N, C-alpha and C. Protein backbone atom coordinates (compact mmCIF):
# COMPACT_ATOMS: atom_id res chain seq x y z
N MET A 1 -22.35 90.27 -58.92
CA MET A 1 -20.91 90.59 -58.36
C MET A 1 -19.80 91.84 -58.06
N ASP A 2 -19.23 92.05 -57.29
CA ASP A 2 -18.67 93.18 -57.17
C ASP A 2 -16.62 93.28 -56.73
N PRO A 3 -16.12 93.22 -57.69
CA PRO A 3 -16.37 94.51 -58.64
C PRO A 3 -16.57 93.37 -60.15
N LYS A 4 -17.23 94.15 -60.95
CA LYS A 4 -17.54 93.78 -62.04
C LYS A 4 -16.23 94.15 -63.24
N LEU A 5 -16.76 92.67 -63.98
CA LEU A 5 -15.70 92.97 -65.12
C LEU A 5 -16.46 93.41 -66.58
N ILE A 6 -15.42 94.52 -67.55
CA ILE A 6 -15.80 95.03 -68.03
C ILE A 6 -14.93 94.67 -69.38
N ARG A 7 -15.64 94.40 -70.74
CA ARG A 7 -14.65 94.67 -72.04
C ARG A 7 -14.03 95.26 -72.52
N ASN A 8 -12.47 95.02 -72.69
CA ASN A 8 -11.64 96.46 -73.04
C ASN A 8 -12.40 96.88 -74.61
N ARG A 9 -12.91 97.79 -74.78
CA ARG A 9 -13.27 98.36 -76.23
C ARG A 9 -12.16 97.60 -77.12
N HIS A 10 -11.07 98.19 -77.05
CA HIS A 10 -10.08 97.47 -77.69
C HIS A 10 -9.67 96.62 -78.46
N SER A 11 -10.28 95.24 -77.85
CA SER A 11 -9.84 93.70 -78.12
C SER A 11 -10.96 93.01 -77.75
N ASP A 12 -10.45 91.74 -77.51
CA ASP A 12 -11.95 90.97 -76.68
C ASP A 12 -11.08 90.62 -75.25
N ASP A 13 -10.06 91.16 -75.23
CA ASP A 13 -9.99 90.63 -74.04
C ASP A 13 -10.75 91.16 -72.73
N ILE A 14 -10.63 91.04 -71.21
CA ILE A 14 -11.93 90.96 -70.46
C ILE A 14 -10.55 91.70 -69.33
N ILE A 15 -10.80 92.94 -68.93
CA ILE A 15 -10.76 93.77 -67.66
C ILE A 15 -11.32 93.41 -66.50
N ARG A 16 -10.91 93.00 -65.38
CA ARG A 16 -11.46 93.09 -64.18
C ARG A 16 -11.04 94.38 -63.18
N ILE A 17 -12.30 94.66 -63.15
CA ILE A 17 -11.84 96.11 -62.54
C ILE A 17 -11.22 96.47 -60.96
N GLY A 18 -11.68 95.32 -60.31
CA GLY A 18 -11.23 95.34 -58.27
C GLY A 18 -9.61 94.60 -58.50
N ASP A 19 -8.90 93.88 -59.59
CA ASP A 19 -7.52 93.57 -59.74
C ASP A 19 -6.84 94.30 -61.08
N GLY A 20 -7.40 94.70 -62.21
CA GLY A 20 -6.78 95.15 -63.01
C GLY A 20 -6.21 94.45 -64.14
N LEU A 21 -6.59 93.42 -63.93
CA LEU A 21 -6.13 92.10 -64.58
C LEU A 21 -6.51 92.05 -65.70
N THR A 22 -5.79 91.33 -66.72
CA THR A 22 -6.30 91.38 -68.28
C THR A 22 -6.64 89.58 -68.48
N ARG A 23 -7.86 89.26 -68.93
CA ARG A 23 -7.64 87.91 -68.77
C ARG A 23 -8.49 87.30 -70.99
N CYS A 24 -8.67 86.29 -70.67
CA CYS A 24 -9.19 85.79 -72.02
C CYS A 24 -10.35 85.70 -72.19
N SER A 25 -11.24 86.12 -73.21
CA SER A 25 -12.66 86.44 -72.89
C SER A 25 -13.32 85.48 -72.92
N TRP A 26 -13.36 84.37 -72.62
CA TRP A 26 -13.71 83.39 -73.13
C TRP A 26 -14.52 82.77 -71.28
N PRO A 27 -14.14 83.51 -70.68
CA PRO A 27 -15.25 82.74 -69.22
C PRO A 27 -16.29 83.81 -68.76
N ASN A 28 -17.33 83.38 -68.52
CA ASN A 28 -18.41 84.38 -67.88
C ASN A 28 -18.23 84.85 -66.67
N GLU A 29 -17.97 86.23 -67.22
CA GLU A 29 -17.86 87.47 -66.34
C GLU A 29 -18.34 87.39 -65.16
N ASP A 30 -19.65 86.91 -65.53
CA ASP A 30 -20.41 87.01 -63.58
C ASP A 30 -20.16 85.40 -62.97
N ASP A 31 -19.07 84.10 -63.52
CA ASP A 31 -19.23 83.05 -62.75
C ASP A 31 -17.59 83.08 -62.40
N GLU A 32 -17.72 82.95 -60.90
CA GLU A 32 -16.58 82.46 -60.17
C GLU A 32 -15.97 81.85 -60.49
N LEU A 33 -16.65 80.81 -60.56
CA LEU A 33 -16.24 79.08 -60.50
C LEU A 33 -15.40 79.31 -62.27
N TYR A 34 -16.02 79.45 -62.88
CA TYR A 34 -15.24 79.97 -64.52
C TYR A 34 -14.16 80.91 -64.67
N LEU A 35 -14.07 81.89 -63.78
CA LEU A 35 -12.76 82.41 -63.66
C LEU A 35 -12.00 81.93 -63.04
N ALA A 36 -12.02 81.51 -62.00
CA ALA A 36 -11.40 80.72 -61.18
C ALA A 36 -10.77 79.65 -61.83
N TYR A 37 -11.54 78.76 -62.86
CA TYR A 37 -10.60 78.29 -63.70
C TYR A 37 -9.92 78.14 -65.06
N HIS A 38 -10.08 79.29 -65.43
CA HIS A 38 -9.22 80.28 -66.10
C HIS A 38 -8.11 80.85 -65.93
N ASP A 39 -8.05 81.23 -64.63
CA ASP A 39 -6.49 81.98 -63.79
C ASP A 39 -6.23 80.96 -63.44
N ASN A 40 -6.84 79.78 -62.96
CA ASN A 40 -5.44 78.95 -61.88
C ASN A 40 -5.63 77.49 -62.77
N ALA A 41 -6.00 77.02 -63.94
CA ALA A 41 -5.90 75.66 -64.31
C ALA A 41 -5.51 76.03 -65.39
N TRP A 42 -6.84 76.46 -66.45
CA TRP A 42 -6.69 76.31 -68.27
C TRP A 42 -5.19 77.09 -68.27
N GLY A 43 -4.63 76.26 -68.90
CA GLY A 43 -3.52 76.38 -70.04
C GLY A 43 -2.40 75.82 -68.82
N VAL A 44 -2.18 75.53 -67.34
CA VAL A 44 -1.04 75.01 -66.68
C VAL A 44 -1.00 73.86 -67.14
N PRO A 45 0.90 73.82 -67.50
CA PRO A 45 1.26 72.51 -68.11
C PRO A 45 1.21 71.11 -66.64
N GLU A 46 0.43 70.15 -67.23
CA GLU A 46 0.38 68.83 -66.16
C GLU A 46 1.24 68.17 -67.20
N TYR A 47 1.59 67.50 -65.91
CA TYR A 47 2.56 66.38 -65.77
C TYR A 47 2.28 64.88 -65.41
N ASP A 48 1.29 65.07 -65.03
CA ASP A 48 0.82 63.40 -63.86
C ASP A 48 0.11 62.72 -64.95
N ASP A 49 0.13 61.44 -64.91
CA ASP A 49 -0.53 60.52 -65.50
C ASP A 49 -2.24 60.20 -65.55
N GLN A 50 -2.31 60.51 -64.10
CA GLN A 50 -3.42 60.06 -63.61
C GLN A 50 -4.49 61.08 -64.13
N ALA A 51 -3.78 62.28 -63.32
CA ALA A 51 -4.52 64.22 -63.79
C ALA A 51 -5.02 63.99 -65.35
N LEU A 52 -4.14 63.68 -65.99
CA LEU A 52 -4.08 63.79 -67.58
C LEU A 52 -5.49 62.82 -68.34
N PHE A 53 -4.98 61.63 -68.03
CA PHE A 53 -6.29 60.83 -67.84
C PHE A 53 -7.57 61.46 -67.23
N ALA A 54 -8.11 61.52 -66.19
CA ALA A 54 -9.03 62.38 -65.94
C ALA A 54 -9.88 63.48 -66.55
N LYS A 55 -8.57 64.46 -67.37
CA LYS A 55 -9.33 65.47 -67.47
C LYS A 55 -9.81 65.30 -69.45
N LEU A 56 -9.19 64.15 -69.81
CA LEU A 56 -9.54 63.60 -71.59
C LEU A 56 -10.25 62.94 -70.64
N ILE A 57 -11.24 61.96 -69.69
CA ILE A 57 -12.54 61.36 -69.74
C ILE A 57 -13.42 62.85 -69.75
N LEU A 58 -13.66 63.56 -69.07
CA LEU A 58 -14.08 64.94 -68.79
C LEU A 58 -13.87 65.54 -69.54
N ASP A 59 -12.80 65.79 -70.51
CA ASP A 59 -13.27 66.65 -71.92
C ASP A 59 -14.34 65.84 -72.69
N GLY A 60 -13.88 64.53 -73.11
CA GLY A 60 -15.59 63.63 -73.69
C GLY A 60 -16.85 63.66 -73.12
N PHE A 61 -16.67 64.01 -71.66
CA PHE A 61 -18.23 64.40 -71.66
C PHE A 61 -18.35 65.25 -72.10
N GLN A 62 -17.73 66.13 -72.21
CA GLN A 62 -18.17 68.02 -72.67
C GLN A 62 -18.69 67.50 -74.47
N ALA A 63 -18.27 66.92 -74.72
CA ALA A 63 -18.94 66.80 -76.30
C ALA A 63 -20.16 67.26 -76.40
N GLY A 64 -20.28 68.23 -77.30
CA GLY A 64 -21.50 68.71 -77.59
C GLY A 64 -22.35 69.71 -76.58
N LEU A 65 -21.32 70.12 -75.52
CA LEU A 65 -21.52 70.99 -74.14
C LEU A 65 -20.49 71.71 -73.91
N SER A 66 -20.98 72.48 -73.02
CA SER A 66 -20.37 73.92 -72.75
C SER A 66 -19.36 73.61 -71.81
N TRP A 67 -18.04 73.84 -71.80
CA TRP A 67 -17.31 73.35 -70.29
C TRP A 67 -17.74 73.63 -69.13
N ILE A 68 -18.70 74.67 -68.97
CA ILE A 68 -18.94 75.21 -67.44
C ILE A 68 -19.86 74.10 -67.19
N VAL A 69 -20.63 73.52 -67.90
CA VAL A 69 -21.67 72.27 -67.23
C VAL A 69 -20.87 71.31 -67.07
N ILE A 70 -19.72 70.81 -67.26
CA ILE A 70 -18.52 69.95 -66.99
C ILE A 70 -18.29 70.13 -65.85
N LEU A 71 -17.40 71.36 -65.35
CA LEU A 71 -16.88 72.02 -64.64
C LEU A 71 -17.65 72.22 -63.02
N ARG A 72 -19.03 72.34 -63.68
CA ARG A 72 -20.14 72.51 -62.27
C ARG A 72 -20.29 70.98 -61.82
N LYS A 73 -20.04 70.01 -62.83
CA LYS A 73 -20.29 68.41 -62.03
C LYS A 73 -19.19 67.64 -61.58
N GLU A 74 -18.01 68.36 -61.90
CA GLU A 74 -17.00 67.77 -61.72
C GLU A 74 -16.76 66.79 -60.50
N GLU A 75 -16.70 67.44 -59.42
CA GLU A 75 -16.95 66.51 -57.87
C GLU A 75 -17.88 65.12 -58.10
N ALA A 76 -18.65 65.18 -58.89
CA ALA A 76 -19.61 64.75 -58.99
C ALA A 76 -19.33 63.46 -59.73
N PHE A 77 -18.53 64.22 -61.03
CA PHE A 77 -17.84 62.99 -61.41
C PHE A 77 -16.87 62.72 -61.03
N ARG A 78 -16.06 62.98 -60.12
CA ARG A 78 -14.98 62.06 -59.40
C ARG A 78 -15.84 61.68 -58.75
N THR A 79 -16.42 61.43 -57.85
CA THR A 79 -17.63 60.83 -56.81
C THR A 79 -17.64 59.20 -57.57
N ALA A 80 -18.79 59.81 -58.80
CA ALA A 80 -18.95 58.36 -59.85
C ALA A 80 -18.06 57.24 -60.37
N PHE A 81 -16.85 58.02 -60.77
CA PHE A 81 -16.00 57.37 -61.65
C PHE A 81 -14.65 57.25 -60.40
N HIS A 82 -14.44 56.79 -58.70
CA HIS A 82 -13.14 56.28 -58.50
C HIS A 82 -12.66 57.40 -58.41
N ASN A 83 -12.59 58.79 -58.72
CA ASN A 83 -11.75 59.79 -58.74
C ASN A 83 -10.51 59.30 -59.77
N PHE A 84 -11.24 58.84 -60.90
CA PHE A 84 -10.56 58.77 -62.22
C PHE A 84 -9.80 57.61 -62.10
N ASP A 85 -9.56 56.98 -61.12
CA ASP A 85 -8.45 55.54 -61.02
C ASP A 85 -8.62 55.06 -61.93
N PRO A 86 -8.02 54.96 -62.67
CA PRO A 86 -7.69 53.93 -64.47
C PRO A 86 -7.76 52.08 -63.86
N HIS A 87 -7.30 51.94 -63.13
CA HIS A 87 -7.20 50.86 -62.46
C HIS A 87 -8.45 50.15 -61.84
N ILE A 88 -9.07 50.98 -61.21
CA ILE A 88 -10.58 50.31 -60.88
C ILE A 88 -11.34 50.89 -62.21
N LEU A 89 -11.25 51.91 -63.09
CA LEU A 89 -12.42 51.87 -63.68
C LEU A 89 -12.15 50.86 -65.52
N ALA A 90 -11.17 50.26 -65.64
CA ALA A 90 -10.63 49.05 -66.22
C ALA A 90 -11.39 47.90 -66.19
N THR A 91 -11.86 47.54 -64.92
CA THR A 91 -12.52 46.45 -64.42
C THR A 91 -13.74 46.67 -64.00
N ILE A 92 -14.72 48.01 -63.93
CA ILE A 92 -15.99 48.67 -63.39
C ILE A 92 -16.86 47.67 -64.41
N SER A 93 -17.57 47.15 -63.18
CA SER A 93 -18.79 46.49 -64.03
C SER A 93 -19.95 47.22 -64.86
N ASP A 94 -20.77 46.61 -65.66
CA ASP A 94 -21.56 47.20 -67.16
C ASP A 94 -22.94 47.57 -65.65
N GLN A 95 -22.97 47.09 -64.57
CA GLN A 95 -24.23 47.73 -63.88
C GLN A 95 -23.86 48.39 -63.03
N GLU A 96 -22.15 48.66 -62.71
CA GLU A 96 -22.34 49.99 -61.93
C GLU A 96 -22.41 50.76 -63.03
N LEU A 97 -21.91 50.74 -64.09
CA LEU A 97 -22.05 51.76 -64.85
C LEU A 97 -23.04 52.41 -66.19
N ASP A 98 -24.12 51.39 -65.96
CA ASP A 98 -25.37 50.96 -65.78
C ASP A 98 -26.53 52.18 -64.94
N ALA A 99 -25.86 51.65 -63.91
CA ALA A 99 -26.44 52.78 -62.54
C ALA A 99 -25.86 54.23 -63.10
N GLN A 100 -25.14 54.23 -63.45
CA GLN A 100 -24.27 56.43 -63.61
C GLN A 100 -25.58 56.73 -64.05
N MET A 101 -26.21 55.98 -64.92
CA MET A 101 -27.95 56.71 -65.92
C MET A 101 -28.75 57.29 -65.08
N GLN A 102 -28.80 56.74 -63.79
CA GLN A 102 -29.47 57.54 -63.03
C GLN A 102 -29.06 58.43 -61.92
N ASN A 103 -27.65 58.75 -62.33
CA ASN A 103 -26.68 59.65 -61.75
C ASN A 103 -27.48 61.20 -62.14
N PRO A 104 -28.18 62.30 -61.69
CA PRO A 104 -28.47 63.50 -61.95
C PRO A 104 -27.46 64.16 -61.55
N GLY A 105 -26.19 63.83 -61.09
CA GLY A 105 -24.77 64.84 -60.63
C GLY A 105 -24.17 65.18 -62.35
N ILE A 106 -23.95 63.88 -62.97
CA ILE A 106 -23.20 63.11 -63.80
C ILE A 106 -23.97 63.80 -65.16
N VAL A 107 -23.42 63.92 -66.38
CA VAL A 107 -23.61 64.26 -67.73
C VAL A 107 -24.37 62.37 -68.22
N ARG A 108 -25.57 62.24 -68.34
CA ARG A 108 -26.60 60.86 -68.56
C ARG A 108 -26.50 60.82 -69.76
N ASN A 109 -25.25 60.47 -70.17
CA ASN A 109 -25.12 60.12 -71.64
C ASN A 109 -24.60 58.56 -71.81
N ARG A 110 -25.15 57.40 -72.30
CA ARG A 110 -24.72 56.26 -71.86
C ARG A 110 -23.30 55.66 -72.62
N SER A 111 -23.42 56.17 -73.78
CA SER A 111 -22.24 56.17 -74.93
C SER A 111 -20.66 56.65 -74.12
N LYS A 112 -21.31 57.93 -73.48
CA LYS A 112 -20.18 58.33 -72.56
C LYS A 112 -19.73 57.73 -71.31
N ILE A 113 -20.46 57.41 -71.03
CA ILE A 113 -20.40 56.49 -69.83
C ILE A 113 -19.66 55.09 -69.96
N LYS A 114 -20.39 54.75 -70.98
CA LYS A 114 -19.57 53.25 -71.25
C LYS A 114 -18.10 53.46 -71.95
N SER A 115 -17.89 54.58 -72.24
CA SER A 115 -16.33 54.80 -72.65
C SER A 115 -15.36 55.09 -71.63
N VAL A 116 -16.01 55.13 -70.73
CA VAL A 116 -14.79 55.21 -69.18
C VAL A 116 -14.14 54.38 -69.43
N LYS A 117 -15.03 53.07 -69.19
CA LYS A 117 -14.68 51.59 -68.91
C LYS A 117 -13.26 51.53 -69.85
N THR A 118 -14.07 52.16 -71.54
CA THR A 118 -13.08 51.86 -72.48
C THR A 118 -11.82 52.35 -72.35
N ASN A 119 -11.90 53.42 -72.12
CA ASN A 119 -10.73 54.41 -72.08
C ASN A 119 -9.80 54.07 -71.16
N ALA A 120 -10.29 53.85 -69.96
CA ALA A 120 -9.14 53.01 -68.87
C ALA A 120 -8.27 52.16 -69.35
N GLN A 121 -8.62 51.12 -69.89
CA GLN A 121 -8.47 49.91 -70.78
C GLN A 121 -7.28 50.53 -71.48
N ALA A 122 -7.65 51.39 -72.32
CA ALA A 122 -6.86 51.89 -73.43
C ALA A 122 -5.47 52.44 -72.64
N TYR A 123 -6.19 53.20 -71.51
CA TYR A 123 -4.92 54.16 -71.10
C TYR A 123 -4.34 53.18 -70.25
N LEU A 124 -4.29 51.96 -69.65
CA LEU A 124 -3.44 51.22 -69.20
C LEU A 124 -2.55 50.72 -70.10
N LYS A 125 -2.90 50.32 -71.53
CA LYS A 125 -1.64 49.66 -72.27
C LYS A 125 -0.92 50.56 -72.88
N LEU A 126 -1.50 52.10 -73.00
CA LEU A 126 -0.46 52.58 -73.42
C LEU A 126 0.44 53.63 -72.21
N HIS A 127 -0.06 53.62 -71.24
CA HIS A 127 0.96 53.79 -69.99
C HIS A 127 1.71 52.84 -69.94
N GLN A 128 1.57 51.98 -69.72
CA GLN A 128 2.73 50.26 -70.47
C GLN A 128 3.73 50.48 -71.09
N GLU A 129 3.30 51.06 -72.33
CA GLU A 129 4.25 51.45 -73.50
C GLU A 129 4.87 52.09 -73.36
N VAL A 130 4.68 53.37 -73.49
CA VAL A 130 5.18 54.70 -73.20
C VAL A 130 5.23 55.56 -72.12
N GLY A 131 4.33 55.76 -71.18
CA GLY A 131 3.41 56.80 -70.16
C GLY A 131 2.70 57.35 -70.66
N PHE A 132 1.97 57.56 -70.21
CA PHE A 132 0.36 58.21 -70.98
C PHE A 132 1.31 59.94 -71.16
N ALA A 133 1.68 60.52 -69.64
CA ALA A 133 2.37 62.02 -70.00
C ALA A 133 3.82 62.17 -71.06
N ASN A 134 4.14 61.10 -71.08
CA ASN A 134 5.40 61.18 -72.41
C ASN A 134 4.89 61.00 -73.04
N TYR A 135 3.31 60.29 -73.82
CA TYR A 135 2.67 60.17 -74.80
C TYR A 135 2.22 61.88 -75.24
N TRP A 136 1.90 62.31 -74.48
CA TRP A 136 1.22 63.64 -74.51
C TRP A 136 2.49 64.32 -75.13
N TRP A 137 3.57 64.41 -74.08
CA TRP A 137 4.40 65.43 -74.37
C TRP A 137 5.41 65.23 -75.50
N GLN A 138 5.64 64.09 -75.75
CA GLN A 138 6.51 63.90 -76.59
C GLN A 138 5.33 64.62 -78.01
N GLN A 139 4.19 64.69 -78.08
CA GLN A 139 3.66 65.32 -79.53
C GLN A 139 4.13 66.61 -79.68
N VAL A 140 4.19 67.29 -78.36
CA VAL A 140 4.73 68.44 -78.63
C VAL A 140 6.34 68.66 -78.46
N GLY A 141 6.70 68.04 -78.24
CA GLY A 141 8.47 67.63 -78.28
C GLY A 141 8.67 68.68 -76.63
N ASN A 142 8.50 67.52 -76.10
CA ASN A 142 8.49 68.07 -74.94
C ASN A 142 8.45 69.14 -74.17
N LYS A 143 7.68 70.66 -74.91
CA LYS A 143 7.49 72.12 -74.45
C LYS A 143 6.59 72.26 -75.20
N PRO A 144 5.49 73.11 -74.00
CA PRO A 144 4.28 73.43 -75.31
C PRO A 144 4.61 74.74 -75.77
N ILE A 145 3.55 74.49 -77.05
CA ILE A 145 3.08 75.53 -77.90
C ILE A 145 2.71 76.74 -77.38
N ASP A 146 3.90 77.82 -77.52
CA ASP A 146 3.44 78.61 -77.68
C ASP A 146 2.75 79.38 -78.46
N ARG A 147 1.66 80.05 -78.36
CA ARG A 147 0.51 80.21 -80.03
C ARG A 147 0.80 81.69 -80.27
N GLN A 148 1.03 82.36 -78.70
CA GLN A 148 1.34 83.48 -78.78
C GLN A 148 0.17 84.60 -79.38
N ARG A 149 -1.17 83.83 -78.76
CA ARG A 149 -2.79 84.68 -79.87
C ARG A 149 -2.34 85.89 -79.33
N LYS A 150 -3.20 86.92 -80.50
CA LYS A 150 -3.62 88.00 -80.50
C LYS A 150 -4.92 87.94 -79.94
N ALA A 151 -5.32 88.80 -79.52
CA ALA A 151 -7.10 89.14 -78.85
C ALA A 151 -8.18 88.92 -79.90
N ASP A 152 -7.49 89.61 -81.34
CA ASP A 152 -8.33 89.78 -82.54
C ASP A 152 -7.94 88.12 -83.48
N GLU A 153 -7.44 87.44 -83.23
CA GLU A 153 -7.15 86.49 -84.19
C GLU A 153 -8.55 85.52 -84.09
N PRO A 154 -9.09 84.62 -84.75
CA PRO A 154 -10.12 83.35 -84.20
C PRO A 154 -9.49 82.70 -84.11
N TYR A 155 -10.52 81.97 -83.06
CA TYR A 155 -10.17 81.13 -82.46
C TYR A 155 -9.95 79.99 -82.63
N PRO A 156 -8.88 78.89 -82.89
CA PRO A 156 -8.77 78.16 -83.14
C PRO A 156 -9.68 76.94 -82.41
N THR A 157 -10.34 75.91 -83.07
CA THR A 157 -10.50 74.27 -82.23
C THR A 157 -10.62 73.17 -82.34
N LYS A 158 -9.56 73.24 -83.79
CA LYS A 158 -8.44 71.85 -84.20
C LYS A 158 -7.33 72.62 -84.87
N SER A 159 -6.32 71.40 -84.78
CA SER A 159 -5.50 71.89 -85.80
C SER A 159 -4.71 70.14 -86.23
N GLU A 160 -4.11 70.75 -87.02
CA GLU A 160 -3.47 69.36 -88.19
C GLU A 160 -2.70 68.08 -86.87
N LEU A 161 -1.99 68.87 -85.77
CA LEU A 161 -1.37 67.81 -84.94
C LEU A 161 -2.86 66.82 -84.38
N SER A 162 -3.77 68.09 -83.68
CA SER A 162 -4.86 67.50 -83.01
C SER A 162 -5.76 66.25 -83.80
N GLU A 163 -5.52 66.48 -85.00
CA GLU A 163 -6.39 65.69 -85.66
C GLU A 163 -5.53 64.09 -85.82
N ALA A 164 -4.15 65.07 -86.38
CA ALA A 164 -3.43 63.17 -85.76
C ALA A 164 -3.65 62.38 -84.95
N ILE A 165 -3.40 63.02 -83.74
CA ILE A 165 -3.21 62.55 -82.23
C ILE A 165 -4.54 61.97 -81.85
N SER A 166 -5.92 62.68 -82.58
CA SER A 166 -6.90 61.82 -82.34
C SER A 166 -6.98 60.28 -83.64
N LYS A 167 -6.52 60.34 -84.55
CA LYS A 167 -6.84 59.28 -85.39
C LYS A 167 -5.73 57.88 -84.35
N ASP A 168 -4.73 58.95 -83.73
CA ASP A 168 -3.89 57.63 -83.41
C ASP A 168 -4.51 57.29 -81.71
N LEU A 169 -5.00 58.09 -81.23
CA LEU A 169 -5.60 57.51 -80.11
C LEU A 169 -6.72 56.69 -79.87
N LYS A 170 -7.62 56.87 -81.45
CA LYS A 170 -8.79 56.00 -81.77
C LYS A 170 -7.84 54.44 -82.15
N LYS A 171 -6.92 54.76 -83.17
CA LYS A 171 -6.47 53.20 -82.85
C LYS A 171 -6.03 52.52 -81.55
N HIS A 172 -5.72 53.02 -80.72
CA HIS A 172 -4.97 52.92 -79.41
C HIS A 172 -6.23 52.36 -78.54
N GLY A 173 -7.96 52.42 -79.09
CA GLY A 173 -8.77 52.02 -78.36
C GLY A 173 -9.56 53.22 -77.42
N PHE A 174 -9.53 54.57 -77.82
CA PHE A 174 -9.95 55.13 -76.94
C PHE A 174 -11.50 56.12 -77.61
N LYS A 175 -12.19 56.29 -77.14
CA LYS A 175 -13.48 57.05 -77.39
C LYS A 175 -13.60 57.91 -76.93
N PHE A 176 -14.15 59.12 -77.70
CA PHE A 176 -14.29 60.26 -77.83
C PHE A 176 -13.31 61.25 -77.55
N VAL A 177 -12.82 60.90 -78.72
CA VAL A 177 -11.43 62.19 -78.91
C VAL A 177 -11.00 62.46 -80.13
N GLY A 178 -12.50 62.95 -80.86
CA GLY A 178 -12.54 63.62 -81.82
C GLY A 178 -11.15 65.08 -81.87
N PRO A 179 -10.61 65.29 -83.09
CA PRO A 179 -9.53 66.52 -83.06
C PRO A 179 -10.29 67.54 -82.32
N THR A 180 -11.11 67.76 -82.10
CA THR A 180 -11.69 69.17 -81.25
C THR A 180 -11.93 69.02 -80.38
N ILE A 181 -11.58 67.79 -79.99
CA ILE A 181 -11.46 67.06 -78.41
C ILE A 181 -9.84 67.50 -77.70
N VAL A 182 -9.46 66.69 -78.35
CA VAL A 182 -8.48 66.67 -78.11
C VAL A 182 -7.53 68.22 -78.15
N TYR A 183 -8.12 68.85 -79.31
CA TYR A 183 -7.00 70.21 -79.16
C TYR A 183 -7.88 70.90 -77.63
N ALA A 184 -8.62 70.51 -77.69
CA ALA A 184 -9.60 71.49 -76.07
C ALA A 184 -8.68 70.93 -75.00
N PHE A 185 -8.29 69.38 -75.41
CA PHE A 185 -7.75 69.28 -73.91
C PHE A 185 -6.34 69.36 -73.66
N MET A 186 -5.40 69.68 -75.19
CA MET A 186 -4.36 70.13 -75.15
C MET A 186 -4.24 71.86 -74.71
N GLU A 187 -5.47 72.54 -74.89
CA GLU A 187 -5.03 73.90 -74.64
C GLU A 187 -5.27 73.82 -72.92
N ALA A 188 -6.24 72.90 -72.27
CA ALA A 188 -6.45 73.10 -70.70
C ALA A 188 -5.45 72.40 -70.16
N VAL A 189 -4.28 71.39 -70.50
CA VAL A 189 -3.36 70.44 -69.88
C VAL A 189 -1.91 71.56 -69.97
N GLY A 190 -2.06 72.89 -71.14
CA GLY A 190 -0.93 73.17 -71.44
C GLY A 190 -0.33 72.65 -72.26
N LEU A 191 -0.48 71.90 -72.96
CA LEU A 191 0.49 71.11 -74.15
C LEU A 191 0.74 72.30 -75.49
N ILE A 192 -0.61 73.32 -74.90
CA ILE A 192 -0.58 74.66 -75.93
C ILE A 192 -0.87 75.79 -74.90
N ASN A 193 -0.30 76.47 -74.99
CA ASN A 193 -0.80 78.00 -74.64
C ASN A 193 -1.36 78.38 -75.30
N ASN A 194 -2.75 78.52 -75.35
CA ASN A 194 -3.67 79.55 -75.66
C ASN A 194 -3.97 80.75 -75.29
N HIS A 195 -3.48 81.50 -74.00
CA HIS A 195 -4.17 82.20 -73.69
C HIS A 195 -3.40 83.38 -74.49
N VAL A 196 -4.23 84.30 -74.70
CA VAL A 196 -3.94 85.55 -75.68
C VAL A 196 -2.49 86.26 -74.98
N VAL A 197 -1.99 86.66 -75.25
CA VAL A 197 -0.79 87.03 -74.65
C VAL A 197 -0.47 88.17 -74.09
N THR A 198 -1.97 89.09 -74.32
CA THR A 198 -2.07 89.95 -73.20
C THR A 198 -2.60 89.40 -71.81
N CYS A 199 -3.24 88.41 -72.03
CA CYS A 199 -3.75 87.52 -70.66
C CYS A 199 -2.68 87.56 -69.53
N HIS A 200 -3.06 88.02 -68.19
CA HIS A 200 -2.38 87.48 -67.11
C HIS A 200 -1.64 86.01 -66.88
N SER A 201 -2.69 85.10 -67.15
CA SER A 201 -2.32 83.40 -67.04
C SER A 201 -1.39 83.38 -68.26
N HIS A 202 -1.19 84.13 -69.42
CA HIS A 202 -0.03 83.67 -70.33
C HIS A 202 1.16 83.75 -70.01
N GLN A 203 2.24 84.35 -69.16
CA GLN A 203 2.85 84.52 -68.42
C GLN A 203 3.10 83.26 -67.40
N LYS A 204 2.01 83.29 -66.62
CA LYS A 204 1.75 82.26 -65.34
C LYS A 204 1.78 81.02 -65.70
N CYS A 205 1.41 80.67 -67.07
CA CYS A 205 1.70 78.90 -67.27
C CYS A 205 2.93 79.11 -67.67
N ARG A 206 3.45 79.96 -68.72
CA ARG A 206 5.00 79.83 -69.21
C ARG A 206 5.82 79.63 -68.19
N ASN A 207 5.28 80.38 -66.60
CA ASN A 207 6.44 79.86 -65.70
C ASN A 207 6.52 78.70 -64.90
N GLN A 208 4.90 77.85 -65.59
CA GLN A 208 5.07 76.69 -65.16
C GLN A 208 5.85 75.19 -65.81
N ILE A 209 6.26 75.80 -66.96
CA ILE A 209 7.13 74.42 -67.51
C ILE A 209 8.17 74.34 -67.11
N LYS A 210 8.11 72.70 -66.92
CA LYS A 210 9.28 71.79 -66.29
C LYS A 210 10.33 70.90 -67.47
N GLU A 211 11.07 71.07 -67.26
CA GLU A 211 11.69 70.59 -68.47
C GLU A 211 11.90 69.31 -68.26
N ARG A 212 11.88 68.83 -70.16
CA ARG A 212 11.51 67.61 -69.86
C ARG A 212 12.35 66.64 -71.53
N ALA A 213 12.94 65.97 -70.97
CA ALA A 213 14.24 65.37 -72.02
C ALA A 213 13.71 64.51 -72.91
């Protein structure tokens, strides 16, 4: 890859020589897909119900795996699961779900595959009650939590809030929504801005916040 990335010796940031931008340390500096995800998607506030549902499903599949594994398989997931349309997935046949165990393009874990239908059904109920996006944004007072994270801070994997939401989601019938998955989801969809403050995407995500009543 040219130009190459080097790590700043004085922090956990990453600096790209060619563009001079400072980034968080977690993307693999040799993986353009991962860098693009960090720069253009991770932490950007998401307000669309179905997009949030899709991300929650993908995060569930990530359990026990690296996110880059899921990212590389995202299009195959979308094809396999009808572009994450919850109305279709809520009534998908067990036979069609079983067939996905033979799909090399996705993560072939039976429990996770079965949870897609369960979570679609739970989504439709919650969406009817309060709206799926409303549910999530109300958890943070309709404004992203900006942690103003410093590069030398320990990286959090869960919080009291993610633990509380995890318990509530399980009461609503969702599967694969443990506190670590919930926290990762909240970071990814911009409910929490966990870019280090020196990362160029920190302010970019702040600029995309929408006012919510």
